[in-house]
Amino acid sequence: MKTALHLRAGAFAAMIATMIAATPALAADPALIAAAKKEGELTWYTTQIVNQFARPAAEAFQKKYGVRVNYIRADSNEVTLRLQNEGKAGRVMADVFDGTGATAALKAANLVAKYIPESANRLPDRYKDKDGYWVATNLYVLTPGFNTDLVKKGTQPRTFEDLLDPRWRGKIAWNSSVTPSGAAGFVGVVLAHMGQEKGLAYLRQLSGQKVVGLQVAARQVLDQVIAGEYAIALNIFNNHAVISAMKGAPSAWIPMEPALAVFSCLSLTAGAPRPNAGKLFIDFLMSEEGQKLYRDADYLPVDPAVQPKDPALRPGDATFRAVFMTPEEIHDNLPKWGAIYKDIFR
């Protein structure tokens, strides 16, 4: 496990928020705006949900700058494969792309251009690639969730050790895919928290709980818990539990420490056919205006000055601790975590 996988306090983020509170929003470079308008449009490969974020963000950008956004929605693996195929064919179509797992693989294929917008300078360093290849737009925080009809609030497991209680045997489910939001991601956060020896011992104990592996996305794992198929879901997006609860579902999340926090990262494509429009779009999403769009869509913005609708969802000193993992850390370690999952739980 890399030493970079460690717990990072929220004090620095709070300090940054205080420092920038009185700082005026940065305007985009007029020359960049003019060049983007000349290009007229851009193509965005996105993992964001269309109705929840992609369409509203595209419409807001077009209204502001008069530059059309053509978006194509896919998961991180599909975005990666699509761009790799385009790169091999020598015909890259996307100007920008986002995702939790695409950047590292595409960097290796020389398909990511270096670009960090000026609007991102106000953010804590952990939200920007030190080499300039990506900037984080929003956080995905992975925690357990539970069905409040099946588990009375106040009796839910609050720690990793609580999950070993015999009463939860056969009542816990997770996504069995080798993804950060699946069992492999849970393995990763356990090892980061406990260390290799203690972490492996804990995971062997947890395997005795007969955790059910489902070949569906984390959102669908939570849906099955809400439907009463299982009592507890591991490694679900905590904001999804809140969104469902607001619609009347028996859904809640657990601020089990440490949670796993991963970044949705935005990058400019190397060889982008409309690089100026792509750069302006990245600048827009990282501006305070763009970060508020993430907030309004019930996502967790990375800008410390833009509070989520439910501030308790974002890790920090006033909420709960998390392990923050960069795309490179996930890319380098995910195969090992997946192998441990298969060895212990299958």
Protein backbone atom coordinates (compact mmCIF):
# COMPACT_ATOMS: atom_id res chain seq x y z
CA MET A 1 0.00 0.00 0.00
CA LYS A 2 1.36 3.39 -0.93
CA THR A 3 2.13 5.73 1.88
CA ALA A 4 0.13 8.38 0.01
CA LEU A 5 -3.01 6.49 1.00
CA HIS A 6 -3.42 8.17 4.35
CA LEU A 7 -6.00 10.11 6.33
CA ARG A 8 -6.00 13.78 5.56
CA ALA A 9 -7.52 16.26 7.94
CA GLY A 10 -10.08 18.83 6.85
CA ALA A 11 -8.41 21.70 8.69
CA PHE A 12 -6.52 22.81 5.61
CA ALA A 13 -9.71 22.83 3.55
CA ALA A 14 -11.42 24.92 6.20
CA MET A 15 -8.51 27.36 6.18
CA ILE A 16 -8.68 27.66 2.40
CA ALA A 17 -12.43 28.29 2.57
CA THR A 18 -11.85 31.14 5.00
CA MET A 19 -9.08 32.63 2.86
CA ILE A 20 -11.09 32.63 -0.35
CA ALA A 21 -14.36 33.80 1.13
CA ALA A 22 -13.46 37.40 0.40
CA THR A 23 -11.75 36.66 -2.93
CA PRO A 24 -13.68 37.72 -6.05
CA ALA A 25 -14.47 35.03 -8.62
CA LEU A 26 -11.94 34.85 -11.44
CA ALA A 27 -13.22 35.69 -14.93
CA ALA A 28 -12.21 33.49 -17.84
CA ASP A 29 -9.44 34.78 -20.10
CA PRO A 30 -11.03 36.90 -22.89
CA ALA A 31 -8.62 35.43 -25.45
CA LEU A 32 -9.64 31.90 -24.47
CA ILE A 33 -13.32 32.85 -24.70
CA ALA A 34 -12.83 34.28 -28.17
CA ALA A 35 -10.92 31.18 -29.34
CA ALA A 36 -13.58 28.87 -27.90
CA LYS A 37 -16.38 30.80 -29.58
CA LYS A 38 -14.54 30.52 -32.87
CA GLU A 39 -14.44 26.73 -32.45
CA GLY A 40 -18.15 26.87 -31.66
CA GLU A 41 -18.65 23.56 -29.88
CA LEU A 42 -16.99 20.80 -27.90
CA THR A 43 -17.53 17.12 -27.17
CA TRP A 44 -17.58 15.87 -23.58
CA TYR A 45 -17.35 12.19 -22.63
CA THR A 46 -18.89 12.10 -19.18
CA THR A 47 -19.71 9.64 -16.43
CA GLN A 48 -22.15 12.11 -14.85
CA ILE A 49 -25.86 11.27 -14.92
CA VAL A 50 -27.44 13.11 -17.86
CA ASN A 51 -30.60 14.51 -16.29
CA GLN A 52 -28.98 15.13 -12.93
CA PHE A 53 -25.89 16.99 -14.12
CA ALA A 54 -24.62 16.62 -17.71
CA ARG A 55 -27.57 18.31 -19.44
CA PRO A 56 -27.94 21.21 -16.93
CA ALA A 57 -24.18 21.86 -16.99
CA ALA A 58 -24.07 21.82 -20.80
CA GLU A 59 -27.01 24.19 -21.02
CA ALA A 60 -25.53 26.59 -18.46
CA PHE A 61 -22.21 26.71 -20.32
CA GLN A 62 -23.88 27.26 -23.68
CA LYS A 63 -26.06 30.03 -22.26
CA LYS A 64 -23.00 31.77 -20.77
CA TYR A 65 -20.62 31.47 -23.72
CA GLY A 66 -22.67 30.50 -26.78
CA VAL A 67 -20.53 27.36 -27.25
CA ARG A 68 -22.42 24.13 -27.80
CA VAL A 69 -21.64 21.07 -25.64
CA ASN A 70 -22.16 17.64 -27.19
CA TYR A 71 -22.11 15.13 -24.34
CA ILE A 72 -21.87 11.37 -24.47
CA ARG A 73 -22.59 9.50 -21.25
CA ALA A 74 -20.74 6.29 -20.32
CA ASP A 75 -19.06 4.73 -17.30
CA SER A 76 -15.32 5.14 -16.68
CA ASN A 77 -14.39 1.85 -18.35
CA GLU A 78 -16.41 2.72 -21.44
CA VAL A 79 -14.89 6.21 -21.62
CA THR A 80 -11.42 4.68 -21.39
CA LEU A 81 -12.05 2.07 -24.09
CA ARG A 82 -13.70 4.56 -26.42
CA LEU A 83 -10.82 7.03 -26.22
CA GLN A 84 -8.20 4.28 -26.51
CA ASN A 85 -9.85 3.07 -29.71
CA GLU A 86 -10.06 6.61 -31.06
CA GLY A 87 -6.39 7.15 -30.23
CA LYS A 88 -5.36 3.97 -32.06
CA ALA A 89 -7.39 5.07 -35.07
CA GLY A 90 -5.79 8.52 -34.97
CA ARG A 91 -9.18 10.20 -34.76
CA VAL A 92 -9.88 11.55 -31.27
CA MET A 93 -13.42 12.91 -30.97
CA ALA A 94 -13.64 14.05 -27.34
CA ASP A 95 -12.28 17.40 -26.25
CA VAL A 96 -12.74 16.73 -22.53
CA PHE A 97 -13.60 13.68 -20.45
CA ASP A 98 -14.27 12.87 -16.81
CA GLY A 99 -14.49 9.86 -14.53
CA THR A 100 -13.03 8.20 -11.48
CA GLY A 101 -10.91 5.63 -13.26
CA ALA A 102 -10.18 6.77 -16.80
CA THR A 103 -7.33 9.23 -16.36
CA ALA A 104 -4.46 6.95 -15.33
CA ALA A 105 -4.98 4.45 -18.16
CA LEU A 106 -5.40 7.20 -20.74
CA LYS A 107 -2.26 8.97 -19.52
CA ALA A 108 -0.34 5.78 -20.24
CA ALA A 109 -1.72 5.89 -23.79
CA ASN A 110 -0.64 9.55 -24.21
CA LEU A 111 -4.27 10.63 -24.58
CA VAL A 112 -4.36 13.23 -21.79
CA ALA A 113 -3.13 16.79 -22.23
CA LYS A 114 -1.77 18.86 -19.37
CA TYR A 115 -4.21 21.57 -18.34
CA ILE A 116 -5.16 22.94 -14.93
CA PRO A 117 -7.42 26.00 -15.23
CA GLU A 118 -6.72 29.18 -13.32
CA SER A 119 -10.11 28.79 -11.66
CA ALA A 120 -8.74 25.71 -9.85
CA ASN A 121 -5.85 27.57 -8.21
CA ARG A 122 -7.95 28.32 -5.13
CA LEU A 123 -8.52 24.63 -4.38
CA PRO A 124 -6.50 22.44 -1.98
CA ASP A 125 -3.62 20.71 -3.75
CA ARG A 126 -5.06 17.23 -3.35
CA TYR A 127 -7.78 18.12 -5.88
CA LYS A 128 -5.24 18.83 -8.64
CA ASP A 129 -2.77 16.49 -10.30
CA LYS A 130 0.78 17.53 -9.40
CA ASP A 131 1.78 16.83 -13.01
CA GLY A 132 -1.13 18.84 -14.43
CA TYR A 133 -3.18 16.09 -16.09
CA TRP A 134 -6.45 16.32 -14.14
CA VAL A 135 -8.48 18.37 -11.72
CA ALA A 136 -11.17 16.94 -9.43
CA THR A 137 -14.66 18.32 -9.93
CA ASN A 138 -16.56 16.49 -7.21
CA LEU A 139 -16.16 13.83 -4.55
CA TYR A 140 -17.74 10.42 -4.34
CA VAL A 141 -17.81 9.27 -0.74
CA LEU A 142 -18.30 5.55 -0.21
CA THR A 143 -19.84 4.39 3.06
CA PRO A 144 -22.30 1.73 4.23
CA GLY A 145 -26.01 2.34 3.82
CA PHE A 146 -28.98 0.59 5.35
CA ASN A 147 -32.74 0.03 5.16
CA THR A 148 -34.35 1.99 7.98
CA ASP A 149 -37.39 -0.33 7.99
CA LEU A 150 -35.18 -3.36 8.60
CA VAL A 151 -32.58 -1.71 10.83
CA LYS A 152 -33.89 0.69 13.43
CA LYS A 153 -31.90 3.91 13.51
CA GLY A 154 -29.51 3.78 16.44
CA THR A 155 -28.92 0.04 16.04
CA GLN A 156 -27.00 0.17 12.75
CA PRO A 157 -23.33 -0.88 12.73
CA ARG A 158 -21.12 2.16 13.26
CA THR A 159 -17.61 0.68 12.98
CA PHE A 160 -15.87 -1.96 10.89
CA GLU A 161 -15.90 -4.24 13.91
CA ASP A 162 -19.68 -3.82 14.28
CA LEU A 163 -20.11 -5.44 10.86
CA LEU A 164 -18.84 -8.68 12.41
CA ASP A 165 -21.88 -8.96 14.70
CA PRO A 166 -23.56 -12.36 13.99
CA ARG A 167 -26.94 -10.68 13.53
CA TRP A 168 -25.74 -9.23 10.20
CA ARG A 169 -24.70 -12.61 8.79
CA GLY A 170 -26.21 -13.00 5.31
CA LYS A 171 -27.82 -9.55 5.47
CA ILE A 172 -25.00 -7.49 3.92
CA ALA A 173 -24.49 -6.90 0.19
CA TRP A 174 -21.98 -5.13 -2.01
CA ASN A 175 -21.02 -4.68 -5.65
CA SER A 176 -18.73 -7.57 -6.60
CA SER A 177 -17.06 -5.70 -9.49
CA VAL A 178 -13.41 -4.70 -9.32
CA THR A 179 -14.16 -0.98 -8.95
CA PRO A 180 -13.65 1.62 -6.19
CA SER A 181 -17.39 1.48 -5.48
CA GLY A 182 -17.32 -2.28 -5.18
CA ALA A 183 -15.90 -4.90 -2.85
CA ALA A 184 -12.38 -4.14 -4.10
CA GLY A 185 -12.68 -0.52 -2.97
CA PHE A 186 -13.83 -1.70 0.46
CA VAL A 187 -10.76 -3.96 0.63
CA GLY A 188 -8.60 -0.96 -0.22
CA VAL A 189 -9.95 1.30 2.50
CA VAL A 190 -9.68 -1.48 5.11
CA LEU A 191 -6.03 -2.07 4.23
CA ALA A 192 -5.31 1.67 4.23
CA HIS A 193 -6.92 1.99 7.66
CA MET A 194 -5.67 -1.15 9.39
CA GLY A 195 -2.49 -2.02 7.53
CA GLN A 196 -1.84 -5.18 5.56
CA GLU A 197 -1.64 -7.79 8.34
CA LYS A 198 -4.53 -6.57 10.51
CA GLY A 199 -6.57 -5.65 7.45
CA LEU A 200 -6.32 -9.11 5.93
CA ALA A 201 -7.21 -10.70 9.27
CA TYR A 202 -10.29 -8.46 9.51
CA LEU A 203 -11.38 -9.28 5.95
CA ARG A 204 -11.13 -13.01 6.68
CA GLN A 205 -13.42 -12.47 9.67
CA LEU A 206 -15.82 -10.46 7.53
CA SER A 207 -15.98 -13.28 4.98
CA GLY A 208 -17.68 -15.34 7.68
CA GLN A 209 -20.62 -12.93 7.47
CA LYS A 210 -21.44 -14.30 4.02
CA VAL A 211 -21.52 -10.89 2.37
CA VAL A 212 -23.55 -11.18 -0.84
CA GLY A 213 -21.73 -10.10 -3.99
CA LEU A 214 -24.04 -8.57 -6.58
CA GLN A 215 -22.96 -8.00 -10.18
CA VAL A 216 -24.59 -4.58 -10.32
CA ALA A 217 -23.50 -0.98 -9.74
CA ALA A 218 -23.34 0.49 -6.24
CA ARG A 219 -26.52 2.47 -6.90
CA GLN A 220 -28.37 -0.77 -7.65
CA VAL A 221 -26.98 -2.41 -4.52
CA LEU A 222 -28.57 0.39 -2.52
CA ASP A 223 -31.80 -0.04 -4.49
CA GLN A 224 -31.95 -3.70 -3.50
CA VAL A 225 -31.37 -2.76 0.14
CA ILE A 226 -34.17 -0.20 -0.10
CA ALA A 227 -36.40 -2.92 -1.59
CA GLY A 228 -35.73 -5.07 1.49
CA GLU A 229 -33.59 -7.75 -0.16
CA TYR A 230 -30.75 -7.00 2.28
CA ALA A 231 -30.42 -4.89 5.42
CA ILE A 232 -27.02 -3.26 4.77
CA ALA A 233 -25.05 -2.21 1.71
CA LEU A 234 -21.30 -1.70 1.81
CA ASN A 235 -19.46 0.92 -0.23
CA ILE A 236 -22.42 2.86 -1.60
CA PHE A 237 -22.33 6.57 -2.47
CA ASN A 238 -23.55 8.36 0.64
CA ASN A 239 -25.33 11.09 -1.32
CA HIS A 240 -27.43 8.43 -3.09
CA ALA A 241 -28.82 7.31 0.26
CA VAL A 242 -29.84 10.89 1.05
CA ILE A 243 -31.40 11.45 -2.39
CA SER A 244 -33.48 8.29 -1.95
CA ALA A 245 -34.50 9.23 1.59
CA MET A 246 -35.70 12.63 0.33
CA LYS A 247 -38.02 10.75 -2.02
CA GLY A 248 -39.46 8.76 0.88
CA ALA A 249 -37.37 5.59 0.64
CA PRO A 250 -36.28 3.76 3.84
CA SER A 251 -32.69 4.77 3.22
CA ALA A 252 -29.84 6.12 5.38
CA TRP A 253 -26.06 6.09 5.32
CA ILE A 254 -23.45 5.48 8.02
CA PRO A 255 -20.46 7.81 8.56
CA MET A 256 -18.22 4.82 9.26
CA GLU A 257 -14.63 5.98 9.70
CA PRO A 258 -12.67 6.10 7.59
CA ALA A 259 -14.83 6.32 4.50
CA LEU A 260 -13.37 6.03 1.02
CA ALA A 261 -13.34 9.29 -0.96
CA VAL A 262 -12.56 9.17 -4.67
CA PHE A 263 -12.45 11.98 -7.20
CA SER A 264 -14.39 12.49 -10.37
CA CYS A 265 -11.61 14.00 -12.46
CA LEU A 266 -11.87 16.22 -15.52
CA SER A 267 -9.18 16.31 -18.20
CA LEU A 268 -8.42 17.82 -21.57
CA THR A 269 -7.92 15.19 -24.27
CA ALA A 270 -4.55 15.13 -26.03
CA GLY A 271 -5.11 15.98 -29.68
CA ALA A 272 -8.54 17.45 -28.90
CA PRO A 273 -10.13 18.81 -32.09
CA ARG A 274 -11.43 21.87 -30.18
CA PRO A 275 -8.91 22.44 -27.38
CA ASN A 276 -9.88 26.02 -26.58
CA ALA A 277 -13.55 25.18 -26.10
CA GLY A 278 -12.43 22.21 -23.97
CA LYS A 279 -10.23 24.41 -21.80
CA LEU A 280 -13.01 26.96 -21.34
CA PHE A 281 -15.43 24.22 -20.32
CA ILE A 282 -12.99 22.88 -17.72
CA ASP A 283 -12.48 26.43 -16.44
CA PHE A 284 -16.26 26.84 -16.18
CA LEU A 285 -16.88 23.64 -14.22
CA MET A 286 -14.09 24.50 -11.79
CA SER A 287 -15.34 28.06 -11.22
CA GLU A 288 -17.57 28.84 -8.27
CA GLU A 289 -20.50 28.96 -10.68
CA GLY A 290 -19.69 25.50 -11.97
CA GLN A 291 -19.14 24.08 -8.50
CA LYS A 292 -22.58 25.33 -7.49
CA LEU A 293 -24.02 23.31 -10.37
CA TYR A 294 -22.57 20.17 -8.74
CA ARG A 295 -24.08 21.21 -5.43
CA ASP A 296 -27.48 21.86 -7.01
CA ALA A 297 -27.37 18.40 -8.60
CA ASP A 298 -26.89 16.78 -5.14
CA TYR A 299 -23.22 16.03 -5.77
CA LEU A 300 -20.37 16.92 -3.42
CA PRO A 301 -18.32 19.80 -4.89
CA VAL A 302 -14.60 19.98 -4.15
CA ASP A 303 -14.64 23.75 -3.62
CA PRO A 304 -14.43 24.24 0.18
CA ALA A 305 -16.43 27.47 -0.18
CA VAL A 306 -19.37 25.69 -1.85
CA GLN A 307 -21.15 23.62 0.77
CA PRO A 308 -23.11 20.52 -0.32
CA LYS A 309 -26.86 20.69 0.26
CA ASP A 310 -26.22 18.38 3.20
CA PRO A 311 -22.82 19.44 4.63
CA ALA A 312 -22.64 16.26 6.71
CA LEU A 313 -22.01 14.25 3.53
CA ARG A 314 -18.55 15.73 2.85
CA PRO A 315 -15.61 14.46 4.93
CA GLY A 316 -13.92 16.95 7.22
CA ASP A 317 -13.14 17.83 10.81
CA ALA A 318 -16.78 18.61 11.56
CA THR A 319 -18.16 15.46 9.94
CA PHE A 320 -16.09 12.28 9.57
CA ARG A 321 -12.68 11.11 8.39
CA ALA A 322 -11.95 9.66 4.97
CA VAL A 323 -9.15 8.11 2.97
CA PHE A 324 -8.74 10.22 -0.18
CA MET A 325 -7.44 8.27 -3.18
CA THR A 326 -6.18 9.76 -6.43
CA PRO A 327 -6.87 8.13 -9.80
CA GLU A 328 -3.27 6.93 -9.93
CA GLU A 329 -3.49 5.30 -6.50
CA ILE A 330 -6.69 3.53 -7.49
CA HIS A 331 -5.26 2.44 -10.85
CA ASP A 332 -2.10 1.05 -9.26
CA ASN A 333 -3.83 -0.79 -6.41
CA LEU A 334 -7.25 -1.87 -7.69
CA PRO A 335 -6.06 -5.13 -9.33
CA LYS A 336 -4.42 -6.18 -6.04
CA TRP A 337 -7.54 -5.33 -4.04
CA GLY A 338 -9.65 -7.29 -6.52
CA ALA A 339 -7.38 -10.30 -6.18
CA ILE A 340 -7.66 -10.17 -2.38
CA TYR A 341 -11.46 -10.00 -2.66
CA LYS A 342 -11.57 -13.05 -4.92
CA ASP A 343 -9.19 -14.98 -2.67
CA ILE A 344 -11.03 -14.30 0.58
CA PHE A 345 -14.69 -13.89 -0.36
CA ARG A 346 -15.17 -16.30 -3.26
